[in-house]
Amino acid sequence: MRWLILIFVVLLVVYCVKHDLTPDEIMGMRKIVCASGDEALKIVKEMHVGEIRYVQDITLLHYVGEYSFVTVWVTVYPNESVAFEEMNRMASSMVKFGWKNLSKVEMNGYSVYVVVPPKGKGKQYFWCVKNVAYYIIPHNMTELEIRYFILNLSSPSLTTAKHRAER
């Protein structure tokens, strides 16, 4: 019986930690989870040419507002070193497969890759925070709004605390 309770508590903690990686709302946009776990990993593998490695968990989601939305992939890796290695490997692969204007910029304290897809439809952004990698495709947003979104997505507890202090 104790083992059952322990397993339940562990699963509850894992569920809560996993879903705390992204806030429920950013800039008035509500979070909609499209796929997670094995289902999300299968979708990602179908969309990529290269090998997808070391993924511990993955979630595909959207933030949807009245005039804009953001497509988001959140990938959890075993540790920070692997997360950054995989982000750098992805950046190299993108260049190899024709993605344009890859650059790396400092944005809200994070080193963020910015890239334009081969068909040139808007910028896409990806970066790591510890062992978590974020990849976003913003739609109908200014550069300032994108920076603010990245800050809120990457540091939900920081921005929530800041928001409470501003009230």
C-alpha atoms as a PDB file:
ATOM      1  CA  MET A   1       0.000   0.000   0.000  1.00  0.00           C
ATOM      2  CA  ARG A   2       2.851   2.406   0.819  1.00  0.00           C
ATOM      3  CA  TRP A   3       4.389   1.771  -2.613  1.00  0.00           C
ATOM      4  CA  LEU A   4       1.115   2.637  -4.289  1.00  0.00           C
ATOM      5  CA  ILE A   5       0.879   5.906  -2.375  1.00  0.00           C
ATOM      6  CA  LEU A   6       4.528   6.695  -3.153  1.00  0.00           C
ATOM      7  CA  ILE A   7       4.008   6.002  -6.871  1.00  0.00           C
ATOM      8  CA  PHE A   8       0.901   8.210  -6.888  1.00  0.00           C
ATOM      9  CA  VAL A   9       2.754  11.077  -5.187  1.00  0.00           C
ATOM     10  CA  VAL A  10       5.691  10.787  -7.617  1.00  0.00           C
ATOM     11  CA  LEU A  11       3.347  10.797 -10.632  1.00  0.00           C
ATOM     12  CA  LEU A  12       1.493  13.813  -9.247  1.00  0.00           C
ATOM     13  CA  VAL A  13       4.757  15.718  -8.734  1.00  0.00           C
ATOM     14  CA  VAL A  14       5.963  14.812 -12.246  1.00  0.00           C
ATOM     15  CA  TYR A  15       2.629  15.953 -13.720  1.00  0.00           C
ATOM     16  CA  CYS A  16       2.730  19.255 -11.838  1.00  0.00           C
ATOM     17  CA  VAL A  17       6.363  19.948 -12.718  1.00  0.00           C
ATOM     18  CA  LYS A  18       5.774  19.119 -16.387  1.00  0.00           C
ATOM     19  CA  HIS A  19       2.798  21.448 -16.677  1.00  0.00           C
ATOM     20  CA  ASP A  20       4.518  24.272 -14.782  1.00  0.00           C
ATOM     21  CA  LEU A  21       7.070  24.601 -17.592  1.00  0.00           C
ATOM     22  CA  THR A  22       4.699  26.953 -19.397  1.00  0.00           C
ATOM     23  CA  PRO A  23       2.171  29.403 -17.974  1.00  0.00           C
ATOM     24  CA  ASP A  24      -1.542  29.032 -18.757  1.00  0.00           C
ATOM     25  CA  GLU A  25      -1.672  32.513 -20.253  1.00  0.00           C
ATOM     26  CA  ILE A  26       0.842  34.919 -21.785  1.00  0.00           C
ATOM     27  CA  MET A  27      -0.040  38.434 -22.943  1.00  0.00           C
ATOM     28  CA  GLY A  28      -3.739  37.582 -22.948  1.00  0.00           C
ATOM     29  CA  MET A  29      -3.144  34.477 -25.069  1.00  0.00           C
ATOM     30  CA  ARG A  30      -4.468  31.212 -23.628  1.00  0.00           C
ATOM     31  CA  LYS A  31      -2.475  27.973 -23.737  1.00  0.00           C
ATOM     32  CA  ILE A  32      -3.887  25.049 -25.709  1.00  0.00           C
ATOM     33  CA  VAL A  33      -1.959  21.767 -25.455  1.00  0.00           C
ATOM     34  CA  CYS A  34      -2.125  19.886 -28.766  1.00  0.00           C
ATOM     35  CA  ALA A  35      -0.033  16.815 -27.987  1.00  0.00           C
ATOM     36  CA  SER A  36       2.406  15.580 -25.382  1.00  0.00           C
ATOM     37  CA  GLY A  37       4.600  12.617 -24.587  1.00  0.00           C
ATOM     38  CA  ASP A  38       4.863   9.837 -27.178  1.00  0.00           C
ATOM     39  CA  GLU A  39       2.186  11.375 -29.413  1.00  0.00           C
ATOM     40  CA  ALA A  40       4.080  14.691 -29.596  1.00  0.00           C
ATOM     41  CA  LEU A  41       7.382  12.922 -30.191  1.00  0.00           C
ATOM     42  CA  LYS A  42       5.850  10.985 -33.097  1.00  0.00           C
ATOM     43  CA  ILE A  43       4.612  14.255 -34.671  1.00  0.00           C
ATOM     44  CA  VAL A  44       8.024  15.891 -34.282  1.00  0.00           C
ATOM     45  CA  LYS A  45       9.813  12.895 -35.810  1.00  0.00           C
ATOM     46  CA  GLU A  46       7.480  13.028 -38.828  1.00  0.00           C
ATOM     47  CA  MET A  47       8.323  16.724 -39.348  1.00  0.00           C
ATOM     48  CA  HIS A  48      12.122  16.384 -39.163  1.00  0.00           C
ATOM     49  CA  VAL A  49      14.791  14.979 -41.420  1.00  0.00           C
ATOM     50  CA  GLY A  50      17.418  14.506 -38.708  1.00  0.00           C
ATOM     51  CA  GLU A  51      17.512  12.239 -35.705  1.00  0.00           C
ATOM     52  CA  ILE A  52      15.604  13.315 -32.572  1.00  0.00           C
ATOM     53  CA  ARG A  53      17.698  12.260 -29.571  1.00  0.00           C
ATOM     54  CA  TYR A  54      17.656  12.185 -25.771  1.00  0.00           C
ATOM     55  CA  VAL A  55      14.102  13.515 -25.358  1.00  0.00           C
ATOM     56  CA  GLN A  56      12.677  12.845 -21.912  1.00  0.00           C
ATOM     57  CA  ASP A  57       9.401  14.633 -22.566  1.00  0.00           C
ATOM     58  CA  ILE A  58       7.902  16.891 -25.219  1.00  0.00           C
ATOM     59  CA  THR A  59       4.774  18.997 -25.563  1.00  0.00           C
ATOM     60  CA  LEU A  60       3.323  20.762 -28.604  1.00  0.00           C
ATOM     61  CA  LEU A  61       1.055  23.691 -27.818  1.00  0.00           C
ATOM     62  CA  HIS A  62      -0.355  26.992 -29.006  1.00  0.00           C
ATOM     63  CA  TYR A  63      -0.944  30.285 -27.286  1.00  0.00           C
ATOM     64  CA  VAL A  64      -3.987  31.858 -28.907  1.00  0.00           C
ATOM     65  CA  GLY A  65      -5.155  35.440 -28.563  1.00  0.00           C
ATOM     66  CA  GLU A  66      -7.605  37.690 -30.339  1.00  0.00           C
ATOM     67  CA  TYR A  67      -5.125  38.940 -32.957  1.00  0.00           C
ATOM     68  CA  SER A  68      -2.058  36.744 -32.641  1.00  0.00           C
ATOM     69  CA  PHE A  69      -0.944  33.247 -31.784  1.00  0.00           C
ATOM     70  CA  VAL A  70       2.277  31.363 -31.131  1.00  0.00           C
ATOM     71  CA  THR A  71       3.101  27.741 -31.921  1.00  0.00           C
ATOM     72  CA  VAL A  72       5.358  26.290 -29.206  1.00  0.00           C
ATOM     73  CA  TRP A  73       7.389  23.105 -28.763  1.00  0.00           C
ATOM     74  CA  VAL A  74       8.757  22.406 -25.282  1.00  0.00           C
ATOM     75  CA  THR A  75      11.306  19.599 -24.996  1.00  0.00           C
ATOM     76  CA  VAL A  76      12.782  18.275 -21.764  1.00  0.00           C
ATOM     77  CA  TYR A  77      16.249  16.724 -21.965  1.00  0.00           C
ATOM     78  CA  PRO A  78      18.141  14.684 -19.328  1.00  0.00           C
ATOM     79  CA  ASN A  79      20.344  17.649 -18.379  1.00  0.00           C
ATOM     80  CA  GLU A  80      21.429  21.158 -19.374  1.00  0.00           C
ATOM     81  CA  SER A  81      24.492  20.007 -21.301  1.00  0.00           C
ATOM     82  CA  VAL A  82      22.456  17.685 -23.538  1.00  0.00           C
ATOM     83  CA  ALA A  83      19.789  20.365 -24.097  1.00  0.00           C
ATOM     84  CA  PHE A  84      22.330  22.922 -25.311  1.00  0.00           C
ATOM     85  CA  GLU A  85      24.176  20.311 -27.398  1.00  0.00           C
ATOM     86  CA  GLU A  86      20.926  19.339 -29.139  1.00  0.00           C
ATOM     87  CA  MET A  87      19.991  23.000 -29.776  1.00  0.00           C
ATOM     88  CA  ASN A  88      23.377  23.640 -31.366  1.00  0.00           C
ATOM     89  CA  ARG A  89      23.083  20.442 -33.428  1.00  0.00           C
ATOM     90  CA  MET A  90      19.642  21.524 -34.627  1.00  0.00           C
ATOM     91  CA  ALA A  91      20.990  24.951 -35.632  1.00  0.00           C
ATOM     92  CA  SER A  92      23.775  23.324 -37.666  1.00  0.00           C
ATOM     93  CA  SER A  93      21.313  20.951 -39.337  1.00  0.00           C
ATOM     94  CA  MET A  94      19.005  23.816 -40.287  1.00  0.00           C
ATOM     95  CA  VAL A  95      21.819  25.590 -42.111  1.00  0.00           C
ATOM     96  CA  LYS A  96      22.760  22.331 -43.839  1.00  0.00           C
ATOM     97  CA  PHE A  97      19.167  21.862 -45.042  1.00  0.00           C
ATOM     98  CA  GLY A  98      18.711  25.385 -46.421  1.00  0.00           C
ATOM     99  CA  TRP A  99      17.297  27.429 -43.563  1.00  0.00           C
ATOM    100  CA  LYS A 100      18.237  31.087 -43.959  1.00  0.00           C
ATOM    101  CA  ASN A 101      19.760  33.843 -41.889  1.00  0.00           C
ATOM    102  CA  LEU A 102      20.498  31.803 -38.783  1.00  0.00           C
ATOM    103  CA  SER A 103      21.717  34.081 -36.025  1.00  0.00           C
ATOM    104  CA  LYS A 104      22.091  33.949 -32.279  1.00  0.00           C
ATOM    105  CA  VAL A 105      20.993  36.920 -30.190  1.00  0.00           C
ATOM    106  CA  GLU A 106      20.772  37.763 -26.518  1.00  0.00           C
ATOM    107  CA  MET A 107      17.131  38.162 -25.635  1.00  0.00           C
ATOM    108  CA  ASN A 108      16.010  38.756 -22.080  1.00  0.00           C
ATOM    109  CA  GLY A 109      19.145  37.041 -20.748  1.00  0.00           C
ATOM    110  CA  TYR A 110      18.844  33.995 -23.013  1.00  0.00           C
ATOM    111  CA  SER A 111      20.943  33.069 -26.049  1.00  0.00           C
ATOM    112  CA  VAL A 112      18.213  32.670 -28.647  1.00  0.00           C
ATOM    113  CA  TYR A 113      18.625  31.284 -32.154  1.00  0.00           C
ATOM    114  CA  VAL A 114      16.633  33.175 -34.772  1.00  0.00           C
ATOM    115  CA  VAL A 115      16.085  31.556 -38.162  1.00  0.00           C
ATOM    116  CA  VAL A 116      14.031  32.000 -41.311  1.00  0.00           C
ATOM    117  CA  PRO A 117      12.647  28.788 -42.880  1.00  0.00           C
ATOM    118  CA  PRO A 118      13.600  27.892 -46.471  1.00  0.00           C
ATOM    119  CA  LYS A 119      10.336  29.343 -47.842  1.00  0.00           C
ATOM    120  CA  GLY A 120      10.978  32.559 -45.910  1.00  0.00           C
ATOM    121  CA  LYS A 121       7.731  32.814 -43.957  1.00  0.00           C
ATOM    122  CA  GLY A 122       8.625  34.737 -40.801  1.00  0.00           C
ATOM    123  CA  LYS A 123      11.210  34.204 -38.117  1.00  0.00           C
ATOM    124  CA  GLN A 124      11.336  31.258 -35.750  1.00  0.00           C
ATOM    125  CA  TYR A 125      13.115  31.208 -32.383  1.00  0.00           C
ATOM    126  CA  PHE A 126      14.632  28.512 -30.190  1.00  0.00           C
ATOM    127  CA  TRP A 127      16.652  28.492 -26.961  1.00  0.00           C
ATOM    128  CA  CYS A 128      17.322  26.529 -23.777  1.00  0.00           C
ATOM    129  CA  VAL A 129      16.714  27.228 -20.135  1.00  0.00           C
ATOM    130  CA  LYS A 130      18.545  24.620 -18.070  1.00  0.00           C
ATOM    131  CA  ASN A 131      17.455  21.230 -19.458  1.00  0.00           C
ATOM    132  CA  VAL A 132      14.382  22.568 -21.290  1.00  0.00           C
ATOM    133  CA  ALA A 133      14.406  23.637 -24.938  1.00  0.00           C
ATOM    134  CA  TYR A 134      11.780  26.018 -26.319  1.00  0.00           C
ATOM    135  CA  TYR A 135      10.957  26.530 -29.996  1.00  0.00           C
ATOM    136  CA  ILE A 136       8.403  29.118 -31.084  1.00  0.00           C
ATOM    137  CA  ILE A 137       6.766  30.329 -34.275  1.00  0.00           C
ATOM    138  CA  PRO A 138       5.048  33.655 -33.563  1.00  0.00           C
ATOM    139  CA  HIS A 139       2.261  34.956 -35.799  1.00  0.00           C
ATOM    140  CA  ASN A 140       1.219  38.588 -36.058  1.00  0.00           C
ATOM    141  CA  MET A 141       3.560  39.859 -33.318  1.00  0.00           C
ATOM    142  CA  THR A 142       6.092  42.685 -33.130  1.00  0.00           C
ATOM    143  CA  GLU A 143       9.734  42.115 -32.106  1.00  0.00           C
ATOM    144  CA  LEU A 144       8.974  43.669 -28.707  1.00  0.00           C
ATOM    145  CA  GLU A 145       5.995  41.354 -28.186  1.00  0.00           C
ATOM    146  CA  ILE A 146       8.146  38.362 -29.169  1.00  0.00           C
ATOM    147  CA  ARG A 147      10.805  39.355 -26.616  1.00  0.00           C
ATOM    148  CA  TYR A 148       8.152  39.726 -23.937  1.00  0.00           C
ATOM    149  CA  PHE A 149       6.640  36.362 -24.907  1.00  0.00           C
ATOM    150  CA  ILE A 150      10.052  34.659 -24.669  1.00  0.00           C
ATOM    151  CA  LEU A 151      10.619  36.126 -21.209  1.00  0.00           C
ATOM    152  CA  ASN A 152       7.195  34.965 -20.037  1.00  0.00           C
ATOM    153  CA  LEU A 153       7.512  31.512 -21.576  1.00  0.00           C
ATOM    154  CA  SER A 154      11.037  30.920 -20.261  1.00  0.00           C
ATOM    155  CA  SER A 155      10.543  32.264 -16.750  1.00  0.00           C
ATOM    156  CA  PRO A 156       6.883  31.916 -15.785  1.00  0.00           C
ATOM    157  CA  SER A 157       7.599  32.097 -12.048  1.00  0.00           C
ATOM    158  CA  LEU A 158       9.783  35.185 -12.511  1.00  0.00           C
ATOM    159  CA  THR A 159       7.221  37.065 -14.570  1.00  0.00           C
ATOM    160  CA  THR A 160       4.318  35.954 -12.365  1.00  0.00           C
ATOM    161  CA  ALA A 161       6.171  37.284  -9.312  1.00  0.00           C
ATOM    162  CA  LYS A 162       6.951  40.512 -11.200  1.00  0.00           C
ATOM    163  CA  HIS A 163       3.305  40.859 -12.239  1.00  0.00           C
ATOM    164  CA  ARG A 164       2.159  40.387  -8.616  1.00  0.00           C
ATOM    165  CA  ALA A 165       4.645  43.022  -7.439  1.00  0.00           C
ATOM    166  CA  GLU A 166       3.321  45.502 -10.038  1.00  0.00           C
ATOM    167  CA  ARG A 167      -0.294  45.169  -8.860  1.00  0.00           C
END
